[in-house]
Amino acid sequence: ANLPAPEQSAQGEVQLGAFRSEAEARAGWGKAQTQAKDLLAGHRPHVVMADLPGKGRYYRLRISPASGVSPRQFCDSLTAKGVGCFPVRD
């Protein structure tokens, strides 16, 4: 298996959603904050634009977990509060 070293994965980001516009991505962030305020306090999201062949442009809403928290753990905590989340590889 080709797994990243633990210290690298701790720096990995998680994605909370992909949206058709930047405004939708910001709305998605607002919704996530409502659902998981304690987990997301102090986090600054960033939106990554991606042009997907045959699908068009998407705006990916991503954040970095706090240091020492793995993306997987962070996503599990968010998912428990109803926020969609997955660790990103790129």
N, C-alpha and C. Protein backbone atom coordinates (compact mmCIF):
# COMPACT_ATOMS: atom_id res chain seq x y z
N ALA A 1 0.85 -1.20 0.00
CA ALA A 1 0.00 0.00 0.00
C ALA A 1 0.88 1.24 0.00
N ASN A 2 0.40 2.25 -0.68
CA ASN A 2 1.17 3.48 -0.81
C ASN A 2 0.57 4.54 0.12
N LEU A 3 0.86 4.43 1.41
CA LEU A 3 0.27 5.35 2.38
C LEU A 3 1.25 6.45 2.73
N PRO A 4 0.74 7.66 2.92
CA PRO A 4 1.64 8.76 3.30
C PRO A 4 2.13 8.58 4.74
N ALA A 5 3.26 9.16 5.05
CA ALA A 5 3.77 9.12 6.41
C ALA A 5 2.81 9.88 7.33
N PRO A 6 2.72 9.49 8.60
CA PRO A 6 1.76 10.11 9.51
C PRO A 6 1.88 11.63 9.58
N GLU A 7 3.12 12.15 9.61
CA GLU A 7 3.24 13.60 9.73
C GLU A 7 2.72 14.31 8.47
N GLN A 8 2.78 13.63 7.33
CA GLN A 8 2.22 14.24 6.12
C GLN A 8 0.70 14.20 6.14
N SER A 9 0.15 13.05 6.56
CA SER A 9 -1.30 12.94 6.53
C SER A 9 -1.94 13.91 7.51
N ALA A 10 -1.21 14.24 8.59
CA ALA A 10 -1.73 15.21 9.54
C ALA A 10 -1.86 16.60 8.90
N GLN A 11 -1.07 16.82 7.85
CA GLN A 11 -1.16 18.11 7.15
C GLN A 11 -2.21 18.07 6.05
N GLY A 12 -2.78 16.92 5.81
CA GLY A 12 -3.72 16.79 4.71
C GLY A 12 -4.99 17.60 4.95
N GLU A 13 -5.70 17.83 3.89
CA GLU A 13 -6.93 18.58 4.01
C GLU A 13 -8.14 17.66 3.91
N VAL A 14 -9.27 18.20 4.30
CA VAL A 14 -10.52 17.48 4.11
C VAL A 14 -11.43 18.35 3.24
N GLN A 15 -12.29 17.69 2.50
CA GLN A 15 -13.21 18.39 1.63
C GLN A 15 -14.62 18.22 2.16
N LEU A 16 -15.33 19.35 2.28
CA LEU A 16 -16.68 19.33 2.83
C LEU A 16 -17.74 19.34 1.73
N GLY A 17 -17.31 19.54 0.50
CA GLY A 17 -18.29 19.53 -0.57
C GLY A 17 -17.73 20.16 -1.83
N ALA A 18 -18.41 19.89 -2.94
CA ALA A 18 -18.07 20.51 -4.22
C ALA A 18 -19.33 21.19 -4.73
N PHE A 19 -19.19 22.42 -5.13
CA PHE A 19 -20.34 23.25 -5.48
C PHE A 19 -20.17 23.85 -6.86
N ARG A 20 -21.27 24.29 -7.44
CA ARG A 20 -21.22 24.84 -8.79
C ARG A 20 -20.80 26.31 -8.83
N SER A 21 -20.80 26.96 -7.69
CA SER A 21 -20.38 28.37 -7.66
C SER A 21 -19.68 28.67 -6.34
N GLU A 22 -18.93 29.75 -6.33
CA GLU A 22 -18.24 30.14 -5.11
C GLU A 22 -19.26 30.52 -4.04
N ALA A 23 -20.36 31.15 -4.46
CA ALA A 23 -21.40 31.53 -3.51
C ALA A 23 -22.00 30.29 -2.84
N GLU A 24 -22.23 29.24 -3.61
CA GLU A 24 -22.75 28.00 -3.04
C GLU A 24 -21.76 27.38 -2.07
N ALA A 25 -20.48 27.46 -2.41
CA ALA A 25 -19.45 26.93 -1.51
C ALA A 25 -19.47 27.68 -0.18
N ARG A 26 -19.62 29.01 -0.24
CA ARG A 26 -19.68 29.79 0.99
C ARG A 26 -20.92 29.45 1.80
N ALA A 27 -22.02 29.23 1.12
CA ALA A 27 -23.25 28.82 1.81
C ALA A 27 -23.06 27.45 2.45
N GLY A 28 -22.35 26.57 1.76
CA GLY A 28 -22.06 25.25 2.31
C GLY A 28 -21.23 25.34 3.57
N TRP A 29 -20.28 26.27 3.58
CA TRP A 29 -19.46 26.49 4.76
C TRP A 29 -20.32 26.98 5.92
N GLY A 30 -21.23 27.91 5.63
CA GLY A 30 -22.13 28.42 6.67
C GLY A 30 -22.97 27.31 7.28
N LYS A 31 -23.46 26.42 6.43
CA LYS A 31 -24.27 25.30 6.89
C LYS A 31 -23.44 24.35 7.76
N ALA A 32 -22.23 24.06 7.32
CA ALA A 32 -21.34 23.18 8.08
C ALA A 32 -21.05 23.78 9.46
N GLN A 33 -20.83 25.10 9.49
CA GLN A 33 -20.55 25.76 10.77
C GLN A 33 -21.74 25.65 11.71
N THR A 34 -22.94 25.73 11.17
CA THR A 34 -24.14 25.61 11.99
C THR A 34 -24.22 24.21 12.60
N GLN A 35 -23.85 23.20 11.80
CA GLN A 35 -23.97 21.81 12.24
C GLN A 35 -22.86 21.39 13.18
N ALA A 36 -21.68 21.95 13.02
CA ALA A 36 -20.51 21.49 13.78
C ALA A 36 -19.67 22.67 14.27
N LYS A 37 -20.35 23.61 14.91
CA LYS A 37 -19.70 24.86 15.32
C LYS A 37 -18.43 24.62 16.15
N ASP A 38 -18.51 23.70 17.12
CA ASP A 38 -17.37 23.48 18.00
C ASP A 38 -16.17 22.92 17.25
N LEU A 39 -16.43 22.06 16.27
CA LEU A 39 -15.33 21.44 15.51
C LEU A 39 -14.70 22.41 14.52
N LEU A 40 -15.51 23.34 14.01
CA LEU A 40 -15.03 24.21 12.93
C LEU A 40 -14.58 25.58 13.43
N ALA A 41 -14.75 25.85 14.72
CA ALA A 41 -14.35 27.15 15.27
C ALA A 41 -12.88 27.39 15.00
N GLY A 42 -12.56 28.56 14.48
CA GLY A 42 -11.17 28.92 14.24
C GLY A 42 -10.62 28.42 12.92
N HIS A 43 -11.40 27.63 12.20
CA HIS A 43 -10.93 27.15 10.90
C HIS A 43 -11.29 28.15 9.81
N ARG A 44 -10.37 28.30 8.87
CA ARG A 44 -10.63 29.15 7.71
C ARG A 44 -10.70 28.25 6.48
N PRO A 45 -11.84 28.23 5.83
CA PRO A 45 -11.95 27.38 4.65
C PRO A 45 -11.26 28.01 3.46
N HIS A 46 -10.90 27.21 2.50
CA HIS A 46 -10.53 27.79 1.22
C HIS A 46 -11.21 26.99 0.12
N VAL A 47 -11.48 27.70 -0.94
CA VAL A 47 -12.22 27.13 -2.05
C VAL A 47 -11.25 26.87 -3.19
N VAL A 48 -11.22 25.63 -3.65
CA VAL A 48 -10.34 25.24 -4.75
C VAL A 48 -11.18 25.06 -6.00
N MET A 49 -10.84 25.80 -7.04
CA MET A 49 -11.59 25.68 -8.29
C MET A 49 -11.05 24.50 -9.08
N ALA A 50 -11.95 23.72 -9.63
CA ALA A 50 -11.53 22.56 -10.42
C ALA A 50 -12.39 22.47 -11.67
N ASP A 51 -11.75 22.36 -12.81
CA ASP A 51 -12.46 22.13 -14.07
C ASP A 51 -12.42 20.63 -14.37
N LEU A 52 -13.56 19.99 -14.31
CA LEU A 52 -13.63 18.55 -14.51
C LEU A 52 -14.10 18.24 -15.92
N PRO A 53 -13.34 17.44 -16.65
CA PRO A 53 -13.71 17.12 -18.04
C PRO A 53 -15.12 16.54 -18.12
N GLY A 54 -15.94 17.14 -18.96
CA GLY A 54 -17.29 16.65 -19.17
C GLY A 54 -18.27 17.04 -18.08
N LYS A 55 -17.80 17.67 -17.00
CA LYS A 55 -18.68 18.02 -15.89
C LYS A 55 -18.74 19.52 -15.65
N GLY A 56 -17.71 20.22 -16.07
CA GLY A 56 -17.70 21.66 -15.86
C GLY A 56 -16.90 22.05 -14.63
N ARG A 57 -17.12 23.26 -14.19
CA ARG A 57 -16.34 23.84 -13.11
C ARG A 57 -17.00 23.58 -11.76
N TYR A 58 -16.18 23.16 -10.83
CA TYR A 58 -16.65 22.96 -9.46
C TYR A 58 -15.78 23.77 -8.50
N TYR A 59 -16.39 24.11 -7.39
CA TYR A 59 -15.69 24.83 -6.33
C TYR A 59 -15.67 23.93 -5.11
N ARG A 60 -14.47 23.46 -4.76
CA ARG A 60 -14.32 22.50 -3.68
C ARG A 60 -14.04 23.22 -2.37
N LEU A 61 -14.87 22.95 -1.40
CA LEU A 61 -14.74 23.59 -0.09
C LEU A 61 -13.84 22.72 0.79
N ARG A 62 -12.67 23.25 1.17
CA ARG A 62 -11.70 22.47 1.91
C ARG A 62 -11.20 23.22 3.14
N ILE A 63 -10.85 22.44 4.15
CA ILE A 63 -10.21 23.00 5.34
C ILE A 63 -9.12 22.03 5.79
N SER A 64 -8.21 22.54 6.60
CA SER A 64 -7.16 21.71 7.19
C SER A 64 -7.52 21.41 8.64
N PRO A 65 -7.41 20.16 9.06
CA PRO A 65 -7.65 19.83 10.47
C PRO A 65 -6.63 20.54 11.36
N ALA A 66 -6.96 20.66 12.63
CA ALA A 66 -6.01 21.20 13.60
C ALA A 66 -4.79 20.30 13.64
N SER A 67 -3.65 20.85 14.02
CA SER A 67 -2.43 20.04 14.05
C SER A 67 -2.61 18.89 15.04
N GLY A 68 -2.09 17.74 14.64
CA GLY A 68 -2.21 16.57 15.49
C GLY A 68 -3.48 15.77 15.27
N VAL A 69 -4.38 16.30 14.46
CA VAL A 69 -5.61 15.57 14.15
C VAL A 69 -5.51 15.05 12.73
N SER A 70 -5.73 13.77 12.54
CA SER A 70 -5.65 13.23 11.19
C SER A 70 -6.90 13.60 10.41
N PRO A 71 -6.78 13.75 9.09
CA PRO A 71 -7.97 14.06 8.27
C PRO A 71 -9.08 13.04 8.49
N ARG A 72 -8.72 11.77 8.65
CA ARG A 72 -9.73 10.73 8.86
C ARG A 72 -10.49 10.95 10.16
N GLN A 73 -9.75 11.22 11.25
CA GLN A 73 -10.40 11.48 12.54
C GLN A 73 -11.31 12.71 12.44
N PHE A 74 -10.79 13.74 11.80
CA PHE A 74 -11.53 14.99 11.68
C PHE A 74 -12.83 14.76 10.91
N CYS A 75 -12.74 14.01 9.82
CA CYS A 75 -13.94 13.70 9.04
C CYS A 75 -14.93 12.86 9.83
N ASP A 76 -14.42 11.89 10.58
CA ASP A 76 -15.32 11.07 11.39
C ASP A 76 -16.11 11.94 12.36
N SER A 77 -15.42 12.90 12.99
CA SER A 77 -16.09 13.80 13.93
C SER A 77 -17.14 14.65 13.23
N LEU A 78 -16.79 15.16 12.04
CA LEU A 78 -17.73 15.99 11.30
C LEU A 78 -18.93 15.18 10.80
N THR A 79 -18.64 13.98 10.29
CA THR A 79 -19.71 13.13 9.78
C THR A 79 -20.72 12.81 10.88
N ALA A 80 -20.21 12.63 12.11
CA ALA A 80 -21.09 12.34 13.24
C ALA A 80 -22.07 13.50 13.50
N LYS A 81 -21.70 14.70 13.05
CA LYS A 81 -22.57 15.86 13.23
C LYS A 81 -23.37 16.18 11.96
N GLY A 82 -23.27 15.29 10.97
CA GLY A 82 -24.08 15.47 9.78
C GLY A 82 -23.42 16.27 8.67
N VAL A 83 -22.12 16.53 8.81
CA VAL A 83 -21.40 17.28 7.78
C VAL A 83 -20.68 16.29 6.87
N GLY A 84 -20.95 16.36 5.58
CA GLY A 84 -20.24 15.50 4.63
C GLY A 84 -18.78 15.86 4.58
N CYS A 85 -17.91 14.86 4.52
CA CYS A 85 -16.49 15.13 4.61
C CYS A 85 -15.70 13.94 4.10
N PHE A 86 -14.59 14.22 3.41
CA PHE A 86 -13.65 13.15 3.11
C PHE A 86 -12.24 13.71 2.98
N PRO A 87 -11.22 12.94 3.38
CA PRO A 87 -9.83 13.40 3.24
C PRO A 87 -9.50 13.52 1.75
N VAL A 88 -8.76 14.55 1.40
CA VAL A 88 -8.39 14.72 -0.01
C VAL A 88 -6.96 14.27 -0.25
N ARG A 89 -6.70 13.81 -1.45
CA ARG A 89 -5.40 13.25 -1.79
C ARG A 89 -4.53 14.25 -2.54
N ASP A 90 -5.13 15.27 -3.15
CA ASP A 90 -4.32 16.19 -3.95
C ASP A 90 -4.22 17.56 -3.30
